Amino acid sequence: MDDIALVVPPVLAAPGERLGARRALVLVLNLGSWIGLGLVMAHVIGGQGWTPASIAIMALFLIGLPWTLLAFWNAVIGFVILRGTRDPASYTNVALRATVPDAPISRRTAICIAIRHEDVERVATRLAVMQGSLAATGAGAMFAFHVLSDSSRPDSVAAELAAFGNAPGVTYRRRPANTGFKAGNLRDFALAAGSDAHFMLVLDADSLMSGAAILRLVRVMEANPGLGILQTLVTGLPATSAFARIFQFGMRHGMRTHTTGIAWWQGSSGPYWGHNALIRLSSFVAHCELPVLPGRSPLSGHILSHDQVEAALMRAAGMEVRVIADEFGSWEENPPRLPDFIRRDLRWAQGNLQYLGLVTRPGLRAMGRFQLCNAIAMYLGAPTSLLMLVIGLVNGLTRGHAGAVPQTLAFSLYFGFLLIGFAPRLLGVLDIALRPAERRRWGGLPRLLAGAATDGLFTLMIGPVMMVSQARFIAGLALGRRIMWEAQRREAGDVPWAEAIRGLWPQLLFGLLFAVALWRVAPGAIPWALPTLAGSLLAIPFACVTAEPRLGRWMVRRGLCAIPDEFDPAPEVLALDESRAERSRR
């Protein structure tokens, strides 16, 4: 298959940024498809007359739909740009055009790693790899590493002191209190840094960046004085966990198209994801102090998900926030097991829902408010979908029938929504499949397609699991439940059946009730409901199987869901693998 390129439509190829026209196009695409799908849904559920139940279902459908449509159109626009331009990153980020690739570094950067109760040896290994990579560039003297600890457990503190207390080129600082969580930790450092550094590179405990990638960020920041935050496109590191391998395979394809799309129309009001990003320290100190939300509810107090708020505050002050929609030496690790993935997601859910108290904050720009609303909307799909199912089934049970819904139309609508949801991943895979050189980087077309098929099945299974988890957690927020910031599990390992049952019994219960109710109401609908039923009924064995080390090792040997760094690893990834191998031998 030859490398096939598309012709970029004139509206996408307009000179300069013309963000107003771009955003108008995105609005029209999303609003038009929202109205169109709403009319189709209204015909499906209201064809036999409107009832309180059908009105409620229609309202919930319209509330939960916009975020899915936005992700779809972001991916479509990103795909067109990836296929139709020579340099998508520069095309979507004008800051790159003013940058001289080999310009000398003239300003100092503080590289900050925020930790709390982490596996110290893993953090130290990544830090050492980055030190070596920066030293190899010849510009290492312009960078200083800072380990910012919020740990309170004596064993963690002792391990951190042993690893970082006297480490060359590393400054270790521990706060006595975890005030403000990670954001408070970084804020305290930024206030204390003064004139010692111009920029701050924010890293998570599982972050890894190459020296060349770090220099690229600094050069772009130096060449653009109006740039406040510069975010990288972060990709997953090679993983031995089956769960992490499958998840990051699909996530990488979806994020490439998605990020290219949002970089094109968000422009100078781009995303910040809280790590693997460079920040102008003076602007951060002056403009990005986070408010403490009033009240005693779980959504009050210090902000957990600080990134979107800091980006909105930075842009409100007139500084630009941009993303480089390119894969260039910026990595992270993904959760190795389903329970760890759920815990991380629910912490994000609580943090994002805190934005409800910020969207009307004075001084924010329209795009900043939109991004906060969009972050909230990410977690509206789960409760709205669950409520739609519950209302429909309860209505069918109490009325004795499910209503005369045209089965062909309902079936088409269902699979149409699946296609919309899968579009970012599918378009990402298609983009690679159309490029001979990229296909080889991914291990060839058969392996690429096998990984895509595996990811498709995985996504169908995990969707209902996350729907129930998110809906249950959001309901719990009303009762005072909250999640605090703690270290994530990063080491691969199995999920014991007892742990899976404790954590996933609500999914099993939901699946059983859903199956029984559907059998009573509309047994003919069971085939198209199988993805939801299977994901719920099999959640417990799914968690155990995808964490099984033997499955992970088998996938590594077969190259299933492999990423390019497994076939042609970067020096930093090789160094990290060697350190892991040495650790496992000890």
Protein backbone atom coordinates (compact mmCIF):
# COMPACT_ATOMS: atom_id res chain seq x y z
CA MET A 1 0.00 0.00 0.00
CA ASP A 2 1.47 3.36 -1.05
CA ASP A 3 1.70 6.40 1.19
CA ILE A 4 -1.57 8.10 0.28
CA ALA A 5 -2.01 11.80 1.04
CA LEU A 6 -5.19 13.83 1.14
CA VAL A 7 -5.68 17.31 -0.22
CA VAL A 8 -6.32 19.65 2.70
CA PRO A 9 -9.63 21.50 2.19
CA PRO A 10 -9.27 25.28 1.81
CA VAL A 11 -10.92 25.96 5.16
CA LEU A 12 -8.25 23.84 6.87
CA ALA A 13 -5.42 25.28 4.80
CA ALA A 14 -6.09 28.95 5.44
CA PRO A 15 -2.87 30.97 5.93
CA GLY A 16 -1.98 31.95 9.47
CA GLU A 17 -4.16 30.72 12.28
CA ARG A 18 -7.53 32.43 11.72
CA LEU A 19 -8.77 30.83 14.91
CA GLY A 20 -12.17 32.49 14.68
CA ALA A 21 -12.96 30.76 11.39
CA ARG A 22 -11.57 27.46 12.63
CA ARG A 23 -13.60 27.52 15.80
CA ALA A 24 -16.71 28.49 13.85
CA LEU A 25 -16.22 25.42 11.66
CA VAL A 26 -15.86 23.18 14.69
CA LEU A 27 -18.99 24.71 16.21
CA VAL A 28 -21.00 24.17 13.03
CA LEU A 29 -19.83 20.56 12.68
CA ASN A 30 -20.66 19.72 16.27
CA LEU A 31 -23.92 21.62 16.47
CA GLY A 32 -25.12 20.25 13.14
CA SER A 33 -24.35 16.63 14.02
CA TRP A 34 -25.85 17.12 17.51
CA ILE A 35 -29.10 18.38 16.01
CA GLY A 36 -29.12 15.70 13.30
CA LEU A 37 -28.53 12.81 15.68
CA GLY A 38 -31.01 14.34 18.11
CA LEU A 39 -33.69 14.30 15.42
CA VAL A 40 -32.93 10.67 14.58
CA MET A 41 -33.08 9.73 18.27
CA ALA A 42 -36.35 11.63 18.67
CA HIS A 43 -37.82 9.60 15.80
CA VAL A 44 -36.63 6.34 17.38
CA ILE A 45 -37.92 6.86 20.90
CA GLY A 46 -40.83 9.21 20.24
CA GLY A 47 -42.36 7.52 17.22
CA GLN A 48 -45.24 6.13 19.28
CA GLY A 49 -45.87 9.28 21.27
CA TRP A 50 -44.01 11.07 24.04
CA THR A 51 -44.15 9.98 27.66
CA PRO A 52 -42.31 11.26 30.73
CA ALA A 53 -39.86 8.37 30.35
CA SER A 54 -39.12 9.03 26.68
CA ILE A 55 -38.71 12.76 27.35
CA ALA A 56 -36.23 11.99 30.14
CA ILE A 57 -34.29 9.61 27.88
CA MET A 58 -34.19 12.21 25.12
CA ALA A 59 -32.91 14.89 27.50
CA LEU A 60 -30.20 12.61 28.88
CA PHE A 61 -29.16 11.65 25.37
CA LEU A 62 -28.74 15.28 24.34
CA ILE A 63 -26.77 16.08 27.52
CA GLY A 64 -24.30 13.23 27.08
CA LEU A 65 -23.78 13.51 23.33
CA PRO A 66 -21.66 16.68 22.78
CA TRP A 67 -18.39 15.42 24.25
CA THR A 68 -18.50 12.27 22.09
CA LEU A 69 -19.17 14.35 18.99
CA LEU A 70 -16.38 16.77 19.80
CA ALA A 71 -13.89 13.91 20.13
CA PHE A 72 -15.12 12.57 16.78
CA TRP A 73 -14.70 15.85 14.91
CA ASN A 74 -11.33 16.53 16.55
CA ALA A 75 -10.15 13.18 15.19
CA VAL A 76 -11.58 13.79 11.71
CA ILE A 77 -9.88 17.20 11.46
CA GLY A 78 -6.66 15.75 12.85
CA PHE A 79 -6.72 12.90 10.34
CA VAL A 80 -7.16 15.30 7.40
CA ILE A 81 -4.22 17.40 8.63
CA LEU A 82 -2.02 14.35 9.24
CA ARG A 83 -2.73 13.10 5.73
CA GLY A 84 -2.58 16.46 3.95
CA THR A 85 0.39 18.34 5.40
CA ARG A 86 4.12 17.68 5.44
CA ASP A 87 4.67 18.86 9.01
CA PRO A 88 1.44 18.64 11.04
CA ALA A 89 3.13 19.82 14.25
CA SER A 90 4.33 23.13 12.74
CA TYR A 91 1.13 23.47 10.75
CA THR A 92 -0.95 23.41 13.93
CA ASN A 93 1.51 25.29 16.18
CA VAL A 94 2.87 28.58 14.86
CA ALA A 95 5.32 28.80 17.77
CA LEU A 96 7.40 26.06 16.12
CA ARG A 97 7.87 28.16 12.98
CA ALA A 98 9.81 30.84 14.85
CA THR A 99 12.20 28.33 16.41
CA VAL A 100 15.76 27.70 15.22
CA PRO A 101 16.29 23.93 15.64
CA ASP A 102 19.93 24.10 16.85
CA ALA A 103 19.84 27.43 18.64
CA PRO A 104 21.99 27.56 21.80
CA ILE A 105 20.20 27.37 25.13
CA SER A 106 20.54 30.65 27.02
CA ARG A 107 18.14 30.26 29.96
CA ARG A 108 18.08 27.86 32.85
CA THR A 109 15.36 25.26 33.37
CA ALA A 110 14.30 23.53 36.57
CA ILE A 111 13.16 19.97 35.94
CA CYS A 112 10.66 19.16 38.68
CA ILE A 113 9.43 15.69 39.62
CA ALA A 114 6.58 15.76 42.12
CA ILE A 115 6.25 12.56 44.17
CA ARG A 116 4.26 11.19 47.08
CA HIS A 117 4.82 7.67 48.42
CA GLU A 118 6.26 6.48 45.10
CA ASP A 119 8.59 3.59 44.31
CA VAL A 120 11.78 5.58 44.82
CA GLU A 121 14.00 3.28 42.80
CA ARG A 122 11.80 3.64 39.73
CA VAL A 123 11.81 7.44 40.04
CA ALA A 124 15.59 7.51 40.53
CA THR A 125 16.11 5.33 37.46
CA ARG A 126 14.11 7.67 35.21
CA LEU A 127 15.86 10.69 36.64
CA ALA A 128 19.29 9.15 35.97
CA VAL A 129 18.31 8.29 32.39
CA MET A 130 17.21 11.88 31.76
CA GLN A 131 20.38 13.25 33.33
CA GLY A 132 22.46 11.09 31.01
CA SER A 133 20.41 12.03 27.97
CA LEU A 134 20.74 15.75 28.72
CA ALA A 135 24.47 15.42 29.37
CA ALA A 136 24.86 13.81 25.94
CA THR A 137 23.42 16.95 24.30
CA GLY A 138 26.17 19.10 25.78
CA ALA A 139 23.64 21.46 27.37
CA GLY A 140 23.23 19.68 30.69
CA ALA A 141 24.65 22.61 32.67
CA MET A 142 21.55 24.66 31.85
CA PHE A 143 19.26 22.21 33.65
CA ALA A 144 18.80 21.32 37.32
CA PHE A 145 16.71 18.43 38.65
CA HIS A 146 14.42 18.92 41.64
CA VAL A 147 12.60 16.12 43.43
CA LEU A 148 9.61 17.65 45.20
CA SER A 149 8.26 15.28 47.82
CA ASP A 150 4.95 15.35 49.64
CA SER A 151 5.56 11.98 51.30
CA SER A 152 4.73 11.50 54.96
CA ARG A 153 5.24 7.77 55.54
CA PRO A 154 8.57 7.18 57.33
CA ASP A 155 9.64 4.37 54.99
CA SER A 156 9.05 6.53 51.91
CA VAL A 157 10.87 9.50 53.41
CA ALA A 158 13.86 7.34 54.36
CA ALA A 159 14.06 5.83 50.87
CA GLU A 160 13.84 9.27 49.25
CA LEU A 161 16.60 10.68 51.44
CA ALA A 162 18.83 7.73 50.61
CA ALA A 163 18.22 8.07 46.86
CA PHE A 164 18.12 11.84 46.42
CA GLY A 165 19.56 13.45 49.54
CA ASN A 166 23.11 13.57 48.19
CA ALA A 167 22.53 12.67 44.53
CA PRO A 168 24.72 14.72 42.18
CA GLY A 169 22.81 17.30 40.19
CA VAL A 170 19.62 16.75 42.20
CA THR A 171 17.96 18.98 44.78
CA TYR A 172 15.60 17.15 47.12
CA ARG A 173 12.91 19.01 49.01
CA ARG A 174 10.13 17.59 51.16
CA ARG A 175 7.17 19.57 52.45
CA PRO A 176 5.91 18.77 55.93
CA ALA A 177 2.28 18.96 54.76
CA ASN A 178 0.59 17.93 51.50
CA THR A 179 -1.19 21.28 51.16
CA GLY A 180 -2.79 21.72 47.76
CA PHE A 181 -1.64 18.28 46.61
CA LYS A 182 0.68 18.20 43.56
CA ALA A 183 -0.35 21.69 42.44
CA GLY A 184 0.52 23.11 45.85
CA ASN A 185 3.88 21.35 45.75
CA LEU A 186 4.75 22.87 42.37
CA ARG A 187 3.42 26.27 43.42
CA ASP A 188 5.62 26.32 46.53
CA PHE A 189 8.66 25.44 44.44
CA ALA A 190 7.88 28.10 41.84
CA LEU A 191 7.58 30.78 44.52
CA ALA A 192 10.88 29.76 46.07
CA ALA A 193 12.77 29.42 42.77
CA GLY A 194 12.98 33.17 42.20
CA SER A 195 15.52 34.01 39.51
CA ASP A 196 17.32 30.65 39.70
CA ALA A 197 15.42 29.38 36.65
CA HIS A 198 13.40 30.85 33.81
CA PHE A 199 11.44 27.71 32.95
CA MET A 200 9.99 24.77 34.86
CA LEU A 201 9.63 21.36 33.22
CA VAL A 202 6.87 19.52 35.08
CA LEU A 203 7.17 15.74 35.25
CA ASP A 204 5.16 13.04 36.99
CA ALA A 205 6.79 10.16 38.83
CA ASP A 206 6.27 7.94 35.77
CA SER A 207 7.47 10.51 33.21
CA LEU A 208 10.47 10.10 30.93
CA MET A 209 11.77 12.59 28.39
CA SER A 210 14.77 12.56 26.09
CA GLY A 211 17.39 15.28 26.23
CA ALA A 212 16.60 16.23 22.64
CA ALA A 213 12.89 16.62 23.46
CA ILE A 214 13.66 18.81 26.46
CA LEU A 215 15.95 21.04 24.38
CA ARG A 216 13.24 21.35 21.74
CA LEU A 217 10.76 22.62 24.31
CA VAL A 218 13.23 25.16 25.70
CA ARG A 219 14.16 26.46 22.24
CA VAL A 220 10.51 26.96 21.36
CA MET A 221 9.88 28.76 24.64
CA GLU A 222 12.92 31.00 24.21
CA ALA A 223 11.89 31.92 20.66
CA ASN A 224 8.34 32.85 21.73
CA PRO A 225 8.27 35.29 24.68
CA GLY A 226 4.47 35.21 24.74
CA LEU A 227 4.34 31.46 25.32
CA GLY A 228 3.42 30.49 28.88
CA ILE A 229 2.90 26.70 28.69
CA LEU A 230 4.16 24.28 26.05
CA GLN A 231 2.67 20.78 26.25
CA THR A 232 4.06 17.66 24.58
CA LEU A 233 2.10 14.77 23.12
CA VAL A 234 2.84 12.05 25.68
CA THR A 235 3.06 8.40 24.62
CA GLY A 236 3.17 5.20 26.66
CA LEU A 237 6.36 3.34 27.42
CA PRO A 238 6.72 -0.33 26.41
CA ALA A 239 4.74 -2.39 28.91
CA THR A 240 4.70 -6.02 29.98
CA SER A 241 1.19 -5.80 31.45
CA ALA A 242 -1.48 -6.95 28.99
CA PHE A 243 -3.85 -4.29 30.28
CA ALA A 244 -1.37 -1.45 29.81
CA ARG A 245 -0.23 -2.73 26.40
CA ILE A 246 -3.73 -2.86 24.94
CA PHE A 247 -4.87 0.41 26.49
CA GLN A 248 -1.90 2.48 25.37
CA PHE A 249 -1.90 0.95 21.88
CA GLY A 250 -5.37 2.35 21.21
CA MET A 251 -4.79 5.51 23.24
CA ARG A 252 -1.71 6.38 21.22
CA HIS A 253 -3.54 6.14 17.91
CA GLY A 254 -6.52 8.08 19.20
CA MET A 255 -4.47 10.82 20.87
CA ARG A 256 -2.41 11.49 17.75
CA THR A 257 -5.44 12.38 15.63
CA HIS A 258 -7.27 14.04 18.53
CA THR A 259 -4.35 16.26 19.57
CA THR A 260 -3.65 17.32 15.99
CA GLY A 261 -7.28 18.36 15.68
CA ILE A 262 -7.43 20.39 18.90
CA ALA A 263 -4.05 22.02 18.24
CA TRP A 264 -5.46 23.30 14.94
CA TRP A 265 -8.54 25.04 16.32
CA GLN A 266 -7.61 25.74 19.93
CA GLY A 267 -4.29 27.31 18.89
CA SER A 268 -3.00 29.66 21.59
CA SER A 269 -5.60 28.36 24.07
CA GLY A 270 -4.39 24.79 23.90
CA PRO A 271 -4.42 22.01 26.48
CA TYR A 272 -2.17 21.44 29.46
CA TRP A 273 -2.20 17.93 30.93
CA GLY A 274 -0.17 18.57 34.07
CA HIS A 275 3.06 16.80 33.14
CA ASN A 276 5.69 16.52 30.42
CA ALA A 277 5.20 20.22 29.75
CA LEU A 278 7.40 23.33 29.97
CA ILE A 279 6.17 26.38 31.88
CA ARG A 280 7.46 29.97 31.96
CA LEU A 281 8.10 30.41 35.68
CA SER A 282 7.53 34.16 35.98
CA SER A 283 4.14 33.92 34.27
CA PHE A 284 3.17 30.86 36.31
CA VAL A 285 3.95 32.64 39.58
CA ALA A 286 2.18 35.83 38.54
CA HIS A 287 -1.00 34.37 37.08
CA CYS A 288 -1.60 30.71 38.00
CA GLU A 289 -2.36 30.70 41.71
CA LEU A 290 -5.22 28.27 42.21
CA PRO A 291 -8.24 29.27 44.28
CA VAL A 292 -9.42 27.20 47.23
CA LEU A 293 -13.04 26.30 46.60
CA PRO A 294 -15.34 27.23 49.50
CA GLY A 295 -17.63 24.83 51.34
CA ARG A 296 -17.39 21.35 52.85
CA SER A 297 -18.53 19.18 50.00
CA PRO A 298 -16.23 16.72 48.19
CA LEU A 299 -15.92 19.29 45.40
CA SER A 300 -14.66 22.02 47.72
CA GLY A 301 -11.19 22.74 49.03
CA HIS A 302 -7.94 22.46 47.10
CA ILE A 303 -8.20 21.55 43.41
CA LEU A 304 -7.13 18.04 42.46
CA SER A 305 -7.00 18.42 38.66
CA HIS A 306 -4.96 21.60 38.48
CA ASP A 307 -3.84 21.48 34.84
CA GLN A 308 -6.89 22.84 32.98
CA VAL A 309 -7.34 25.60 35.54
CA GLU A 310 -3.72 26.73 35.30
CA ALA A 311 -3.99 26.73 31.49
CA ALA A 312 -7.15 28.86 31.66
CA LEU A 313 -5.52 31.30 34.10
CA MET A 314 -2.37 31.54 31.97
CA ARG A 315 -4.42 32.32 28.86
CA ALA A 316 -6.59 34.81 30.76
CA ALA A 317 -3.40 36.74 31.52
CA GLY A 318 -2.63 36.98 27.80
CA MET A 319 0.04 34.25 27.67
CA GLU A 320 -0.25 31.47 25.13
CA VAL A 321 -0.78 27.78 25.93
CA ARG A 322 0.15 25.45 23.07
CA VAL A 323 0.67 21.76 22.38
CA ILE A 324 3.15 20.14 20.00
CA ALA A 325 1.09 17.51 18.17
CA ASP A 326 4.07 15.29 17.47
CA GLU A 327 5.62 12.19 19.04
CA PHE A 328 9.18 13.15 19.95
CA GLY A 329 10.65 11.59 23.04
CA SER A 330 8.01 12.25 25.72
CA TRP A 331 6.77 9.17 27.57
CA GLU A 332 4.75 8.03 30.56
CA GLU A 333 3.64 4.75 32.08
CA ASN A 334 0.00 3.70 32.11
CA PRO A 335 -1.75 1.79 34.92
CA PRO A 336 -0.91 -1.92 34.66
CA ARG A 337 -4.23 -3.25 35.98
CA LEU A 338 -7.91 -2.40 35.72
CA PRO A 339 -8.33 -1.53 39.45
CA ASP A 340 -5.46 0.96 39.23
CA PHE A 341 -6.90 2.46 36.06
CA ILE A 342 -10.30 2.92 37.74
CA ARG A 343 -8.76 4.58 40.81
CA ARG A 344 -6.85 7.05 38.65
CA ASP A 345 -9.92 7.80 36.55
CA LEU A 346 -12.11 8.49 39.58
CA ARG A 347 -9.55 10.90 41.00
CA TRP A 348 -9.67 12.73 37.68
CA ALA A 349 -13.46 12.67 37.82
CA GLN A 350 -13.53 14.35 41.21
CA GLY A 351 -10.95 16.91 40.09
CA ASN A 352 -12.76 17.71 36.85
CA LEU A 353 -16.12 18.07 38.57
CA GLN A 354 -14.57 20.67 40.87
CA TYR A 355 -14.53 22.91 37.79
CA LEU A 356 -18.26 23.43 38.33
CA GLY A 357 -17.23 26.06 40.85
CA LEU A 358 -14.83 27.75 38.45
CA VAL A 359 -16.55 28.10 35.07
CA THR A 360 -18.08 31.45 36.07
CA ARG A 361 -14.85 32.78 37.60
CA PRO A 362 -14.32 36.42 36.53
CA GLY A 363 -11.53 37.15 34.07
CA LEU A 364 -11.42 33.86 32.20
CA ARG A 365 -11.54 33.87 28.41
CA ALA A 366 -14.31 32.10 26.53
CA MET A 367 -12.00 29.26 25.49
CA GLY A 368 -10.88 28.80 29.08
CA ARG A 369 -14.47 28.45 30.22
CA PHE A 370 -15.19 26.09 27.36
CA GLN A 371 -12.25 23.85 28.28
CA LEU A 372 -13.40 23.65 31.88
CA CYS A 373 -16.91 22.76 30.71
CA ASN A 374 -15.48 20.19 28.31
CA ALA A 375 -13.50 18.58 31.13
CA ILE A 376 -16.70 18.33 33.18
CA ALA A 377 -18.59 16.89 30.20
CA MET A 378 -16.08 14.01 29.99
CA TYR A 379 -17.79 12.57 33.04
CA LEU A 380 -21.40 13.26 32.07
CA GLY A 381 -21.56 10.40 29.57
CA ALA A 382 -21.44 7.66 32.21
CA PRO A 383 -24.31 8.77 34.47
CA THR A 384 -26.48 9.87 31.52
CA SER A 385 -25.98 6.54 29.73
CA LEU A 386 -26.73 4.55 32.87
CA LEU A 387 -29.82 6.59 33.63
CA MET A 388 -31.06 6.16 30.06
CA LEU A 389 -30.77 2.38 30.39
CA VAL A 390 -32.43 2.32 33.80
CA ILE A 391 -35.33 4.58 32.79
CA GLY A 392 -35.93 2.65 29.59
CA LEU A 393 -35.95 -0.72 31.32
CA VAL A 394 -38.06 0.41 34.29
CA ASN A 395 -40.53 1.99 31.89
CA GLY A 396 -40.69 -1.22 29.87
CA LEU A 397 -41.17 -3.38 32.97
CA THR A 398 -43.92 -1.20 34.43
CA ARG A 399 -45.76 -0.78 31.13
CA GLY A 400 -45.32 -4.43 30.16
CA HIS A 401 -43.55 -3.75 26.86
CA ALA A 402 -40.60 -1.82 25.49
CA GLY A 403 -42.50 0.27 22.98
CA ALA A 404 -42.67 -0.18 19.25
CA VAL A 405 -39.19 1.00 18.29
CA PRO A 406 -38.17 0.35 14.67
CA GLN A 407 -35.57 -2.36 15.22
CA THR A 408 -33.60 -1.70 12.03
CA LEU A 409 -33.30 1.99 12.81
CA ALA A 410 -32.40 1.35 16.45
CA PHE A 411 -29.79 -1.20 15.39
CA SER A 412 -28.28 1.24 12.88
CA LEU A 413 -28.24 4.04 15.43
CA TYR A 414 -26.50 1.85 18.00
CA PHE A 415 -23.69 0.82 15.69
CA GLY A 416 -23.45 4.35 14.35
CA PHE A 417 -22.64 5.54 17.85
CA LEU A 418 -20.07 2.79 18.26
CA LEU A 419 -18.41 4.01 15.07
CA ILE A 420 -18.41 7.61 16.31
CA GLY A 421 -16.83 6.52 19.59
CA PHE A 422 -14.17 4.43 17.90
CA ALA A 423 -13.37 7.03 15.23
CA PRO A 424 -10.25 8.55 16.87
CA ARG A 425 -8.61 5.13 17.23
CA LEU A 426 -9.73 3.91 13.80
CA LEU A 427 -8.51 7.03 12.04
CA GLY A 428 -5.21 6.82 13.89
CA VAL A 429 -4.69 3.24 12.75
CA LEU A 430 -5.75 4.14 9.21
CA ASP A 431 -3.20 6.96 9.13
CA ILE A 432 -0.42 4.52 10.03
CA ALA A 433 -1.69 1.87 7.61
CA LEU A 434 -1.43 4.36 4.73
CA ARG A 435 2.26 5.09 5.44
CA PRO A 436 4.76 2.33 4.50
CA ALA A 437 7.52 3.66 6.79
CA GLU A 438 5.12 4.01 9.71
CA ARG A 439 3.69 0.53 9.16
CA ARG A 440 7.21 -0.86 9.51
CA ARG A 441 7.72 1.11 12.76
CA TRP A 442 4.60 -0.58 14.12
CA GLY A 443 5.76 -4.07 13.13
CA GLY A 444 3.96 -4.37 9.78
CA LEU A 445 0.34 -4.19 8.68
CA PRO A 446 -0.81 -7.61 10.02
CA ARG A 447 0.53 -6.84 13.48
CA LEU A 448 -0.96 -3.34 13.36
CA LEU A 449 -4.40 -4.68 12.46
CA ALA A 450 -4.18 -7.45 15.06
CA GLY A 451 -3.43 -4.84 17.69
CA ALA A 452 -6.32 -2.67 16.51
CA ALA A 453 -8.74 -5.63 16.68
CA THR A 454 -7.53 -6.49 20.18
CA ASP A 455 -7.93 -2.88 21.27
CA GLY A 456 -11.45 -2.80 19.79
CA LEU A 457 -12.55 -5.79 21.86
CA PHE A 458 -10.79 -4.37 24.92
CA THR A 459 -12.57 -1.03 24.52
CA LEU A 460 -15.97 -2.70 24.20
CA MET A 461 -15.30 -4.62 27.41
CA ILE A 462 -13.98 -1.73 29.46
CA GLY A 463 -16.70 0.76 28.43
CA PRO A 464 -19.49 -0.65 30.65
CA VAL A 465 -17.02 -1.15 33.50
CA MET A 466 -16.08 2.52 33.47
CA MET A 467 -19.70 3.60 32.98
CA VAL A 468 -20.78 1.90 36.20
CA SER A 469 -17.67 3.02 38.11
CA GLN A 470 -18.02 6.66 37.12
CA ALA A 471 -21.79 6.79 37.63
CA ARG A 472 -21.50 5.14 41.05
CA PHE A 473 -18.70 7.48 42.10
CA ILE A 474 -20.50 10.62 40.93
CA ALA A 475 -23.57 9.52 42.87
CA GLY A 476 -21.32 8.98 45.88
CA LEU A 477 -20.03 12.54 45.68
CA ALA A 478 -23.50 13.70 46.68
CA LEU A 479 -23.14 11.61 49.84
CA GLY A 480 -19.76 13.09 50.74
CA ARG A 481 -17.41 10.54 49.23
CA ARG A 482 -14.07 11.89 48.06
CA ILE A 483 -10.71 10.64 46.77
CA MET A 484 -7.35 11.97 47.89
CA TRP A 485 -4.10 12.17 45.91
CA GLU A 486 -1.96 9.10 46.52
CA ALA A 487 0.68 7.23 44.58
CA GLN A 488 -0.52 5.01 41.78
CA ARG A 489 0.56 1.41 41.43
CA ARG A 490 2.98 1.28 38.51
CA GLU A 491 4.43 -2.22 38.77
CA ALA A 492 2.75 -4.96 36.73
CA GLY A 493 1.16 -7.76 38.73
CA ASP A 494 -1.88 -9.98 38.90
CA VAL A 495 -5.32 -9.08 40.22
CA PRO A 496 -6.44 -11.66 42.80
CA TRP A 497 -10.02 -12.80 42.41
CA ALA A 498 -10.89 -11.48 45.87
CA GLU A 499 -9.69 -7.98 44.92
CA ALA A 500 -11.57 -8.10 41.63
CA ILE A 501 -14.81 -9.16 43.34
CA ARG A 502 -14.51 -6.45 46.00
CA GLY A 503 -13.99 -3.75 43.41
CA LEU A 504 -16.21 -4.91 40.56
CA TRP A 505 -19.28 -6.49 42.14
CA PRO A 506 -21.40 -3.42 41.18
CA GLN A 507 -20.63 -4.09 37.50
CA LEU A 508 -21.61 -7.75 37.87
CA LEU A 509 -24.82 -6.83 39.69
CA PHE A 510 -25.68 -4.24 37.05
CA GLY A 511 -25.07 -6.77 34.28
CA LEU A 512 -27.31 -9.36 35.91
CA LEU A 513 -30.15 -6.89 36.51
CA PHE A 514 -29.77 -5.47 33.01
CA ALA A 515 -29.88 -8.93 31.43
CA VAL A 516 -32.97 -10.02 33.37
CA ALA A 517 -34.82 -6.77 32.71
CA LEU A 518 -33.95 -6.81 29.02
CA TRP A 519 -35.12 -10.41 28.71
CA ARG A 520 -38.46 -9.41 30.23
CA VAL A 521 -38.85 -6.18 28.24
CA ALA A 522 -37.29 -6.78 24.82
CA PRO A 523 -35.53 -10.13 24.37
CA GLY A 524 -34.98 -9.34 20.70
CA ALA A 525 -32.68 -6.48 21.73
CA ILE A 526 -30.24 -8.73 23.60
CA PRO A 527 -27.90 -9.30 20.60
CA TRP A 528 -27.17 -5.60 20.16
CA ALA A 529 -26.86 -5.18 23.93
CA LEU A 530 -24.19 -7.89 24.17
CA PRO A 531 -21.24 -5.45 24.38
CA THR A 532 -22.79 -3.79 27.44
CA LEU A 533 -23.85 -7.11 28.94
CA ALA A 534 -20.50 -8.81 28.34
CA GLY A 535 -18.48 -5.92 29.72
CA SER A 536 -20.55 -5.89 32.89
CA LEU A 537 -21.02 -9.63 33.46
CA LEU A 538 -17.37 -10.43 32.71
CA ALA A 539 -15.80 -7.45 34.50
CA ILE A 540 -14.29 -9.58 37.26
CA PRO A 541 -12.56 -12.18 35.05
CA PHE A 542 -11.64 -9.37 32.61
CA ALA A 543 -9.71 -7.61 35.39
CA CYS A 544 -7.94 -10.82 36.38
CA VAL A 545 -7.09 -11.98 32.86
CA THR A 546 -5.75 -8.64 31.59
CA ALA A 547 -3.44 -8.42 34.61
CA GLU A 548 -2.19 -12.01 34.27
CA PRO A 549 1.64 -11.84 33.86
CA ARG A 550 1.70 -14.89 31.58
CA LEU A 551 -0.67 -13.19 29.13
CA GLY A 552 1.50 -10.09 29.17
CA ARG A 553 4.64 -12.11 28.47
CA TRP A 554 2.87 -13.94 25.63
CA MET A 555 1.82 -10.64 24.07
CA VAL A 556 5.38 -9.31 24.32
CA ARG A 557 6.77 -12.41 22.59
CA ARG A 558 4.18 -12.17 19.80
CA GLY A 559 4.46 -8.40 19.45
CA LEU A 560 0.72 -8.03 19.98
CA CYS A 561 -0.23 -4.41 20.69
CA ALA A 562 3.43 -3.50 20.38
CA ILE A 563 4.48 0.12 19.90
CA PRO A 564 7.39 1.49 17.83
CA ASP A 565 9.70 1.69 20.86
CA GLU A 566 9.62 -2.09 21.08
CA PHE A 567 10.96 -2.49 17.52
CA ASP A 568 13.33 0.49 17.40
CA PRO A 569 13.70 1.81 20.94
CA ALA A 570 15.08 5.24 21.67
CA PRO A 571 18.32 5.32 23.70
CA GLU A 572 16.41 6.51 26.76
CA VAL A 573 13.97 3.60 26.53
CA LEU A 574 16.87 1.18 26.13
CA ALA A 575 18.57 2.63 29.19
CA LEU A 576 15.36 2.32 31.17
CA ASP A 577 14.89 -1.29 30.04
CA GLU A 578 18.44 -2.15 31.08
CA SER A 579 17.84 -0.65 34.51
CA ARG A 580 14.60 -2.63 34.86
CA ALA A 581 16.37 -5.83 33.87
CA GLU A 582 19.10 -5.16 36.41
CA ARG A 583 16.49 -4.51 39.07
CA SER A 584 14.66 -7.77 38.33
CA ARG A 585 17.92 -9.72 38.67
CA ARG A 586 18.54 -8.38 42.14
